[in-house]
C-alpha cells in the first residue's frame, strides 16, 4: 500500500525515436477509473527528450481517500494530436515513477534494459498457457526518526505483467529505473547485497486466481544486465 498516500505524484522519462531525442509533441498521463481512462496530466517535452508529468492524489482519488494508487497509462502525441506511442498499464506506480528511456518506435514490451522470463508448468510438468505473470520488487522504506523506535514499511513496486504463450513461456522487459535508485549496483560490488528482492506471481487469467507462486531473491543488481526469475512451486495451488 502507499503509506501514507502522497499528495504530489510525478512521472518522468526520456523519449527517443530510433536513438534520436524526440521532442516534437506532448506527453499525457491517463488514470483508469470505472473502466474508463481519464486524462490527469500533460507535459511538453524538452529538447533532450526528457519530460516530467505532475499530478496530485486528488486527481485519481476524487474525494475517495480509500484509493491508494492510480492506474496509469502514458501517451505520446505529436502536435497534431496523432498518437505515437502508448505505454502498458502501471497498476501500482510509485509517487515518483520514472519510466526510463523509451523508444517510441518500439512496442512497450520491447523497451527496457532488464527483463523477467521463464516457463510456467504444473506439478506434472505440463505447460500452462494463458497464465498471467505479475513481477514486482519489494523494497523496505525506512521511516525511522532519530531517538525513536525503528519503523518502516515494504513498498511493492510493480515491474510489469504479461501472459504465458502456447509453449508456457513468458517474457517482459522493464526499465531498471523502476527500481529504487539505491539498488542500481554493479554486480562486482559487495555493498548493497540482499537489498533487492524480485518476485513474481502467476494467476489463471480466466478466473484471476493465483495458481503458482514464483520467486527468487536477487542479491545484487547490475544495470543493463538481464535476470531470470527462477520458478518454484509452494505447496501446490493457491486460491
C-alpha atoms as a PDB file:
ATOM      1  CA  UNK A   1       0.000   0.000   0.000  1.00  0.00           C
ATOM      2  CA  UNK A   2       1.005   3.603  -0.392  1.00  0.00           C
ATOM      3  CA  UNK A   3       1.732   4.660   3.187  1.00  0.00           C
ATOM      4  CA  UNK A   4       0.645   7.321   3.608  1.00  0.00           C
ATOM      5  CA  UNK A   5      -0.877   8.224   0.222  1.00  0.00           C
ATOM      6  CA  UNK A   6       1.400  11.014  -1.059  1.00  0.00           C
ATOM      7  CA  UNK A   7      -0.160  14.298  -2.095  1.00  0.00           C
ATOM      8  CA  UNK A   8       2.180  15.004  -5.004  1.00  0.00           C
ATOM      9  CA  UNK A   9       2.900  12.452  -7.765  1.00  0.00           C
ATOM     10  CA  UNK A  10       5.254  12.661 -10.752  1.00  0.00           C
ATOM     11  CA  UNK A  11       6.070  10.643 -13.865  1.00  0.00           C
ATOM     12  CA  UNK A  12       9.336  11.235 -15.700  1.00  0.00           C
ATOM     13  CA  UNK A  13      11.300   9.687 -18.519  1.00  0.00           C
ATOM     14  CA  UNK A  14      13.261  10.258 -21.698  1.00  0.00           C
ATOM     15  CA  UNK A  15      11.785   9.802 -25.162  1.00  0.00           C
ATOM     16  CA  UNK A  16      13.707   8.959 -28.295  1.00  0.00           C
ATOM     17  CA  UNK A  17      12.904   7.901 -31.821  1.00  0.00           C
ATOM     18  CA  UNK A  18      15.331   5.314 -33.153  1.00  0.00           C
ATOM     19  CA  UNK A  19      18.063   6.611 -30.857  1.00  0.00           C
ATOM     20  CA  UNK A  20      17.441  10.319 -31.523  1.00  0.00           C
ATOM     21  CA  UNK A  21      15.865  12.506 -28.781  1.00  0.00           C
ATOM     22  CA  UNK A  22      12.187  13.134 -29.524  1.00  0.00           C
ATOM     23  CA  UNK A  23      10.632  16.446 -28.521  1.00  0.00           C
ATOM     24  CA  UNK A  24       8.085  17.271 -31.230  1.00  0.00           C
ATOM     25  CA  UNK A  25       4.949  16.604 -29.249  1.00  0.00           C
ATOM     26  CA  UNK A  26       3.370  16.206 -25.818  1.00  0.00           C
ATOM     27  CA  UNK A  27       3.096  13.525 -23.133  1.00  0.00           C
ATOM     28  CA  UNK A  28      -0.122  12.659 -21.309  1.00  0.00           C
ATOM     29  CA  UNK A  29      -0.993  10.547 -18.261  1.00  0.00           C
ATOM     30  CA  UNK A  30      -4.383   8.842 -18.065  1.00  0.00           C
ATOM     31  CA  UNK A  31      -5.914   7.226 -14.989  1.00  0.00           C
ATOM     32  CA  UNK A  32      -8.204   4.192 -15.283  1.00  0.00           C
ATOM     33  CA  UNK A  33     -11.329   4.591 -13.195  1.00  0.00           C
ATOM     34  CA  UNK A  34     -14.677   2.811 -13.529  1.00  0.00           C
ATOM     35  CA  UNK A  35     -13.452   1.154 -16.707  1.00  0.00           C
ATOM     36  CA  UNK A  36     -12.547   4.424 -18.467  1.00  0.00           C
ATOM     37  CA  UNK A  37      -9.262   6.277 -18.893  1.00  0.00           C
ATOM     38  CA  UNK A  38      -9.346   9.922 -17.855  1.00  0.00           C
ATOM     39  CA  UNK A  39      -6.503  12.339 -18.564  1.00  0.00           C
ATOM     40  CA  UNK A  40      -4.978  13.678 -15.350  1.00  0.00           C
ATOM     41  CA  UNK A  41      -1.725  15.295 -16.518  1.00  0.00           C
ATOM     42  CA  UNK A  42       0.073  16.598 -19.590  1.00  0.00           C
ATOM     43  CA  UNK A  43       3.525  17.968 -20.313  1.00  0.00           C
ATOM     44  CA  UNK A  44       5.713  19.254 -23.082  1.00  0.00           C
ATOM     45  CA  UNK A  45       8.981  17.507 -23.974  1.00  0.00           C
ATOM     46  CA  UNK A  46      12.429  19.069 -23.598  1.00  0.00           C
ATOM     47  CA  UNK A  47      14.927  19.176 -26.458  1.00  0.00           C
ATOM     48  CA  UNK A  48      16.818  16.227 -24.964  1.00  0.00           C
ATOM     49  CA  UNK A  49      13.633  14.126 -24.916  1.00  0.00           C
ATOM     50  CA  UNK A  50      13.087  14.381 -21.164  1.00  0.00           C
ATOM     51  CA  UNK A  51       9.704  15.116 -19.616  1.00  0.00           C
ATOM     52  CA  UNK A  52       8.001  15.274 -16.230  1.00  0.00           C
ATOM     53  CA  UNK A  53       4.285  14.951 -15.576  1.00  0.00           C
ATOM     54  CA  UNK A  54       2.849  16.168 -12.286  1.00  0.00           C
ATOM     55  CA  UNK A  55      -0.485  15.426 -10.632  1.00  0.00           C
ATOM     56  CA  UNK A  56      -1.960  15.179  -7.136  1.00  0.00           C
ATOM     57  CA  UNK A  57      -3.700  12.414  -5.224  1.00  0.00           C
ATOM     58  CA  UNK A  58      -6.961  14.306  -5.720  1.00  0.00           C
ATOM     59  CA  UNK A  59      -6.705  13.683  -9.475  1.00  0.00           C
ATOM     60  CA  UNK A  60      -7.157   9.940  -9.020  1.00  0.00           C
ATOM     61  CA  UNK A  61      -8.988   9.802  -5.683  1.00  0.00           C
ATOM     62  CA  UNK A  62     -11.605  12.452  -6.467  1.00  0.00           C
ATOM     63  CA  UNK A  63     -12.593  12.562  -2.811  1.00  0.00           C
ATOM     64  CA  UNK A  64     -12.296   8.813  -2.143  1.00  0.00           C
ATOM     65  CA  UNK A  65      -9.360   8.582   0.286  1.00  0.00           C
ATOM     66  CA  UNK A  66      -9.526   4.756   0.274  1.00  0.00           C
ATOM     67  CA  UNK A  67      -7.920   4.733  -3.205  1.00  0.00           C
ATOM     68  CA  UNK A  68      -4.198   4.303  -2.573  1.00  0.00           C
ATOM     69  CA  UNK A  69      -2.846   4.231  -6.137  1.00  0.00           C
ATOM     70  CA  UNK A  70      -3.779   5.470  -9.576  1.00  0.00           C
ATOM     71  CA  UNK A  71      -3.845   3.060 -12.528  1.00  0.00           C
ATOM     72  CA  UNK A  72      -1.764   4.849 -15.115  1.00  0.00           C
ATOM     73  CA  UNK A  73      -1.007   4.696 -18.810  1.00  0.00           C
ATOM     74  CA  UNK A  74       1.208   7.163 -20.656  1.00  0.00           C
ATOM     75  CA  UNK A  75       0.591   8.503 -24.163  1.00  0.00           C
ATOM     76  CA  UNK A  76       2.865  10.383 -26.553  1.00  0.00           C
ATOM     77  CA  UNK A  77       1.266  12.508 -29.275  1.00  0.00           C
ATOM     78  CA  UNK A  78       2.628  14.810 -31.953  1.00  0.00           C
ATOM     79  CA  UNK A  79       1.489  18.428 -32.178  1.00  0.00           C
ATOM     80  CA  UNK A  80      -1.351  17.410 -34.499  1.00  0.00           C
ATOM     81  CA  UNK A  81      -2.808  15.093 -31.848  1.00  0.00           C
ATOM     82  CA  UNK A  82      -1.777  11.849 -33.548  1.00  0.00           C
ATOM     83  CA  UNK A  83      -0.948   9.090 -31.091  1.00  0.00           C
ATOM     84  CA  UNK A  84       2.676   7.949 -31.484  1.00  0.00           C
ATOM     85  CA  UNK A  85       3.128   5.625 -28.508  1.00  0.00           C
ATOM     86  CA  UNK A  86       1.091   4.276 -25.597  1.00  0.00           C
ATOM     87  CA  UNK A  87       2.590   2.537 -22.585  1.00  0.00           C
ATOM     88  CA  UNK A  88       1.448  -0.576 -20.838  1.00  0.00           C
ATOM     89  CA  UNK A  89      -0.626  -0.003 -17.703  1.00  0.00           C
ATOM     90  CA  UNK A  90       1.102   0.823 -14.418  1.00  0.00           C
ATOM     91  CA  UNK A  91      -1.290  -0.575 -11.791  1.00  0.00           C
ATOM     92  CA  UNK A  92       0.527   0.436  -8.600  1.00  0.00           C
ATOM     93  CA  UNK A  93       3.042   3.099  -9.605  1.00  0.00           C
ATOM     94  CA  UNK A  94       5.251   4.822  -7.077  1.00  0.00           C
ATOM     95  CA  UNK A  95       4.639   8.502  -6.413  1.00  0.00           C
ATOM     96  CA  UNK A  96       7.828   9.308  -8.361  1.00  0.00           C
ATOM     97  CA  UNK A  97       7.562   6.925 -11.310  1.00  0.00           C
ATOM     98  CA  UNK A  98      10.464   7.054 -13.762  1.00  0.00           C
ATOM     99  CA  UNK A  99       9.781   5.025 -16.916  1.00  0.00           C
ATOM    100  CA  UNK A 100      13.374   5.339 -18.108  1.00  0.00           C
ATOM    101  CA  UNK A 101      14.457   5.740 -21.716  1.00  0.00           C
ATOM    102  CA  UNK A 102      11.689   4.908 -24.199  1.00  0.00           C
ATOM    103  CA  UNK A 103      11.924   4.434 -27.959  1.00  0.00           C
ATOM    104  CA  UNK A 104       8.512   5.467 -29.289  1.00  0.00           C
ATOM    105  CA  UNK A 105       9.026   3.285 -32.385  1.00  0.00           C
ATOM    106  CA  UNK A 106       9.095   0.148 -30.220  1.00  0.00           C
ATOM    107  CA  UNK A 107       6.258  -1.726 -28.544  1.00  0.00           C
ATOM    108  CA  UNK A 108       6.188  -1.122 -24.754  1.00  0.00           C
ATOM    109  CA  UNK A 109       7.266  -4.734 -24.098  1.00  0.00           C
ATOM    110  CA  UNK A 110      10.417  -4.138 -26.190  1.00  0.00           C
ATOM    111  CA  UNK A 111      11.559  -1.145 -24.159  1.00  0.00           C
ATOM    112  CA  UNK A 112      13.685  -1.551 -21.042  1.00  0.00           C
ATOM    113  CA  UNK A 113      17.190  -2.678 -20.072  1.00  0.00           C
ATOM    114  CA  UNK A 114      16.011  -5.589 -17.887  1.00  0.00           C
ATOM    115  CA  UNK A 115      13.582  -8.461 -18.292  1.00  0.00           C
ATOM    116  CA  UNK A 116      11.865 -11.279 -16.466  1.00  0.00           C
ATOM    117  CA  UNK A 117      11.138 -14.528 -18.253  1.00  0.00           C
ATOM    118  CA  UNK A 118      10.536 -18.224 -17.750  1.00  0.00           C
ATOM    119  CA  UNK A 119       8.163 -21.142 -18.359  1.00  0.00           C
ATOM    120  CA  UNK A 120       5.024 -21.981 -16.388  1.00  0.00           C
ATOM    121  CA  UNK A 121       4.372 -25.651 -15.629  1.00  0.00           C
ATOM    122  CA  UNK A 122       2.204 -27.559 -13.195  1.00  0.00           C
ATOM    123  CA  UNK A 123       3.423 -30.254 -10.800  1.00  0.00           C
ATOM    124  CA  UNK A 124       3.055 -32.912 -13.517  1.00  0.00           C
ATOM    125  CA  UNK A 125       5.327 -30.957 -15.865  1.00  0.00           C
ATOM    126  CA  UNK A 126       2.544 -29.892 -18.220  1.00  0.00           C
ATOM    127  CA  UNK A 127       2.897 -26.424 -19.689  1.00  0.00           C
ATOM    128  CA  UNK A 128       0.301 -23.805 -18.729  1.00  0.00           C
ATOM    129  CA  UNK A 129      -0.960 -21.372 -21.330  1.00  0.00           C
ATOM    130  CA  UNK A 130      -2.641 -18.004 -20.709  1.00  0.00           C
ATOM    131  CA  UNK A 131      -1.283 -17.629 -17.166  1.00  0.00           C
ATOM    132  CA  UNK A 132      -0.869 -14.012 -16.078  1.00  0.00           C
ATOM    133  CA  UNK A 133       2.562 -13.221 -14.612  1.00  0.00           C
ATOM    134  CA  UNK A 134       2.986 -10.135 -12.414  1.00  0.00           C
ATOM    135  CA  UNK A 135       6.568  -9.275 -11.426  1.00  0.00           C
ATOM    136  CA  UNK A 136       7.427  -6.842  -8.664  1.00  0.00           C
ATOM    137  CA  UNK A 137      10.162  -5.633  -6.344  1.00  0.00           C
ATOM    138  CA  UNK A 138       9.761  -5.457  -2.570  1.00  0.00           C
ATOM    139  CA  UNK A 139      11.695  -2.538  -1.137  1.00  0.00           C
ATOM    140  CA  UNK A 140      11.865  -1.568   2.535  1.00  0.00           C
ATOM    141  CA  UNK A 141      11.274   2.136   3.117  1.00  0.00           C
ATOM    142  CA  UNK A 142      12.826   3.264   6.386  1.00  0.00           C
ATOM    143  CA  UNK A 143      10.738   5.926   8.135  1.00  0.00           C
ATOM    144  CA  UNK A 144      12.676   5.844  11.400  1.00  0.00           C
ATOM    145  CA  UNK A 145      13.143   9.050  13.333  1.00  0.00           C
ATOM    146  CA  UNK A 146      16.232   9.753  15.416  1.00  0.00           C
ATOM    147  CA  UNK A 147      15.841   8.714  19.072  1.00  0.00           C
ATOM    148  CA  UNK A 148      12.590   6.852  18.329  1.00  0.00           C
ATOM    149  CA  UNK A 149      11.740   3.195  17.714  1.00  0.00           C
ATOM    150  CA  UNK A 150      12.726   1.835  14.269  1.00  0.00           C
ATOM    151  CA  UNK A 151       9.864   1.973  11.792  1.00  0.00           C
ATOM    152  CA  UNK A 152       9.176   1.478   8.111  1.00  0.00           C
ATOM    153  CA  UNK A 153       7.144  -0.416   5.576  1.00  0.00           C
ATOM    154  CA  UNK A 154       7.590  -2.535   2.451  1.00  0.00           C
ATOM    155  CA  UNK A 155       6.819  -0.838  -0.851  1.00  0.00           C
ATOM    156  CA  UNK A 156       5.591  -3.155  -3.626  1.00  0.00           C
ATOM    157  CA  UNK A 157       6.876  -1.803  -6.935  1.00  0.00           C
ATOM    158  CA  UNK A 158       5.240  -3.402  -9.971  1.00  0.00           C
ATOM    159  CA  UNK A 159       7.777  -4.087 -12.744  1.00  0.00           C
ATOM    160  CA  UNK A 160       5.307  -5.370 -15.313  1.00  0.00           C
ATOM    161  CA  UNK A 161       2.956  -8.152 -16.259  1.00  0.00           C
ATOM    162  CA  UNK A 162       2.500 -10.494 -19.187  1.00  0.00           C
ATOM    163  CA  UNK A 163       0.791 -13.769 -20.154  1.00  0.00           C
ATOM    164  CA  UNK A 164       2.334 -17.170 -20.904  1.00  0.00           C
ATOM    165  CA  UNK A 165       2.038 -18.335 -24.525  1.00  0.00           C
ATOM    166  CA  UNK A 166       1.089 -21.712 -26.012  1.00  0.00           C
ATOM    167  CA  UNK A 167       4.505 -23.086 -25.007  1.00  0.00           C
ATOM    168  CA  UNK A 168       4.056 -21.877 -21.430  1.00  0.00           C
ATOM    169  CA  UNK A 169       6.782 -19.273 -21.941  1.00  0.00           C
ATOM    170  CA  UNK A 170       6.603 -15.657 -20.867  1.00  0.00           C
ATOM    171  CA  UNK A 171       8.918 -12.669 -21.232  1.00  0.00           C
ATOM    172  CA  UNK A 172       8.603  -8.990 -20.487  1.00  0.00           C
ATOM    173  CA  UNK A 173      11.140  -6.171 -20.497  1.00  0.00           C
ATOM    174  CA  UNK A 174      11.108  -3.371 -17.934  1.00  0.00           C
ATOM    175  CA  UNK A 175      13.211  -0.347 -17.118  1.00  0.00           C
ATOM    176  CA  UNK A 176      15.723  -0.541 -14.282  1.00  0.00           C
ATOM    177  CA  UNK A 177      14.595   2.981 -13.392  1.00  0.00           C
ATOM    178  CA  UNK A 178      11.509   1.404 -11.794  1.00  0.00           C
ATOM    179  CA  UNK A 179      13.765   0.035  -9.051  1.00  0.00           C
ATOM    180  CA  UNK A 180      14.843   2.299  -6.172  1.00  0.00           C
ATOM    181  CA  UNK A 181      17.993   4.230  -7.068  1.00  0.00           C
ATOM    182  CA  UNK A 182      19.997   2.641  -4.245  1.00  0.00           C
ATOM    183  CA  UNK A 183      19.576  -0.780  -5.838  1.00  0.00           C
ATOM    184  CA  UNK A 184      21.310   0.099  -9.095  1.00  0.00           C
ATOM    185  CA  UNK A 185      24.598  -1.508  -8.103  1.00  0.00           C
ATOM    186  CA  UNK A 186      27.395  -3.019 -10.132  1.00  0.00           C
ATOM    187  CA  UNK A 187      27.381  -6.817  -9.899  1.00  0.00           C
ATOM    188  CA  UNK A 188      31.059  -6.854  -8.839  1.00  0.00           C
ATOM    189  CA  UNK A 189      30.369  -4.707  -5.790  1.00  0.00           C
ATOM    190  CA  UNK A 190      29.661  -6.310  -2.414  1.00  0.00           C
ATOM    191  CA  UNK A 191      27.984  -3.245  -0.977  1.00  0.00           C
ATOM    192  CA  UNK A 192      24.225  -3.363  -1.073  1.00  0.00           C
ATOM    193  CA  UNK A 193      23.758  -7.131  -1.333  1.00  0.00           C
ATOM    194  CA  UNK A 194      20.414  -8.528  -0.178  1.00  0.00           C
ATOM    195  CA  UNK A 195      18.764  -5.156  -0.690  1.00  0.00           C
ATOM    196  CA  UNK A 196      16.719  -6.150  -3.725  1.00  0.00           C
ATOM    197  CA  UNK A 197      14.061  -8.835  -3.815  1.00  0.00           C
ATOM    198  CA  UNK A 198      12.330  -9.579  -7.093  1.00  0.00           C
ATOM    199  CA  UNK A 199       9.193 -11.685  -7.059  1.00  0.00           C
ATOM    200  CA  UNK A 200       6.579 -12.868  -9.496  1.00  0.00           C
ATOM    201  CA  UNK A 201       3.091 -14.224  -9.015  1.00  0.00           C
ATOM    202  CA  UNK A 202       1.159 -16.287 -11.528  1.00  0.00           C
ATOM    203  CA  UNK A 203      -2.605 -16.179 -11.971  1.00  0.00           C
ATOM    204  CA  UNK A 204      -5.018 -18.132 -14.101  1.00  0.00           C
ATOM    205  CA  UNK A 205      -6.313 -15.327 -16.307  1.00  0.00           C
ATOM    206  CA  UNK A 206      -9.781 -16.859 -16.740  1.00  0.00           C
ATOM    207  CA  UNK A 207     -10.656 -16.752 -13.063  1.00  0.00           C
ATOM    208  CA  UNK A 208      -7.950 -14.351 -11.857  1.00  0.00           C
ATOM    209  CA  UNK A 209      -6.914 -16.934  -9.257  1.00  0.00           C
ATOM    210  CA  UNK A 210      -3.360 -17.388  -8.096  1.00  0.00           C
ATOM    211  CA  UNK A 211      -2.198 -20.880  -9.104  1.00  0.00           C
ATOM    212  CA  UNK A 212       1.560 -20.827  -8.618  1.00  0.00           C
ATOM    213  CA  UNK A 213       3.999 -18.618  -6.788  1.00  0.00           C
ATOM    214  CA  UNK A 214       7.301 -17.820  -8.441  1.00  0.00           C
ATOM    215  CA  UNK A 215      10.004 -16.055  -6.531  1.00  0.00           C
ATOM    216  CA  UNK A 216      13.738 -15.578  -6.461  1.00  0.00           C
ATOM    217  CA  UNK A 217      15.692 -13.018  -4.431  1.00  0.00           C
ATOM    218  CA  UNK A 218      18.250 -11.085  -6.453  1.00  0.00           C
ATOM    219  CA  UNK A 219      21.148 -10.445  -4.082  1.00  0.00           C
ATOM    220  CA  UNK A 220      22.905  -7.888  -6.220  1.00  0.00           C
ATOM    221  CA  UNK A 221      21.706  -5.822  -9.116  1.00  0.00           C
ATOM    222  CA  UNK A 222      23.673  -4.818 -12.214  1.00  0.00           C
ATOM    223  CA  UNK A 223      22.445  -2.100 -14.531  1.00  0.00           C
ATOM    224  CA  UNK A 224      21.918  -3.321 -18.100  1.00  0.00           C
ATOM    225  CA  UNK A 225      22.050  -6.992 -17.038  1.00  0.00           C
ATOM    226  CA  UNK A 226      19.181  -9.397 -17.623  1.00  0.00           C
ATOM    227  CA  UNK A 227      17.867 -11.573 -14.795  1.00  0.00           C
ATOM    228  CA  UNK A 228      15.685 -14.649 -14.897  1.00  0.00           C
ATOM    229  CA  UNK A 229      13.147 -15.236 -12.178  1.00  0.00           C
ATOM    230  CA  UNK A 230      13.514 -18.920 -11.404  1.00  0.00           C
ATOM    231  CA  UNK A 231      10.341 -20.776 -10.640  1.00  0.00           C
ATOM    232  CA  UNK A 232       9.413 -22.762  -7.549  1.00  0.00           C
ATOM    233  CA  UNK A 233       6.015 -24.024  -6.514  1.00  0.00           C
ATOM    234  CA  UNK A 234       4.947 -23.726  -2.909  1.00  0.00           C
ATOM    235  CA  UNK A 235       2.503 -26.281  -1.520  1.00  0.00           C
ATOM    236  CA  UNK A 236       0.536 -26.684  -4.747  1.00  0.00           C
ATOM    237  CA  UNK A 237      -2.238 -24.384  -5.915  1.00  0.00           C
ATOM    238  CA  UNK A 238      -3.452 -21.362  -4.042  1.00  0.00           C
ATOM    239  CA  UNK A 239      -6.763 -19.614  -4.499  1.00  0.00           C
END
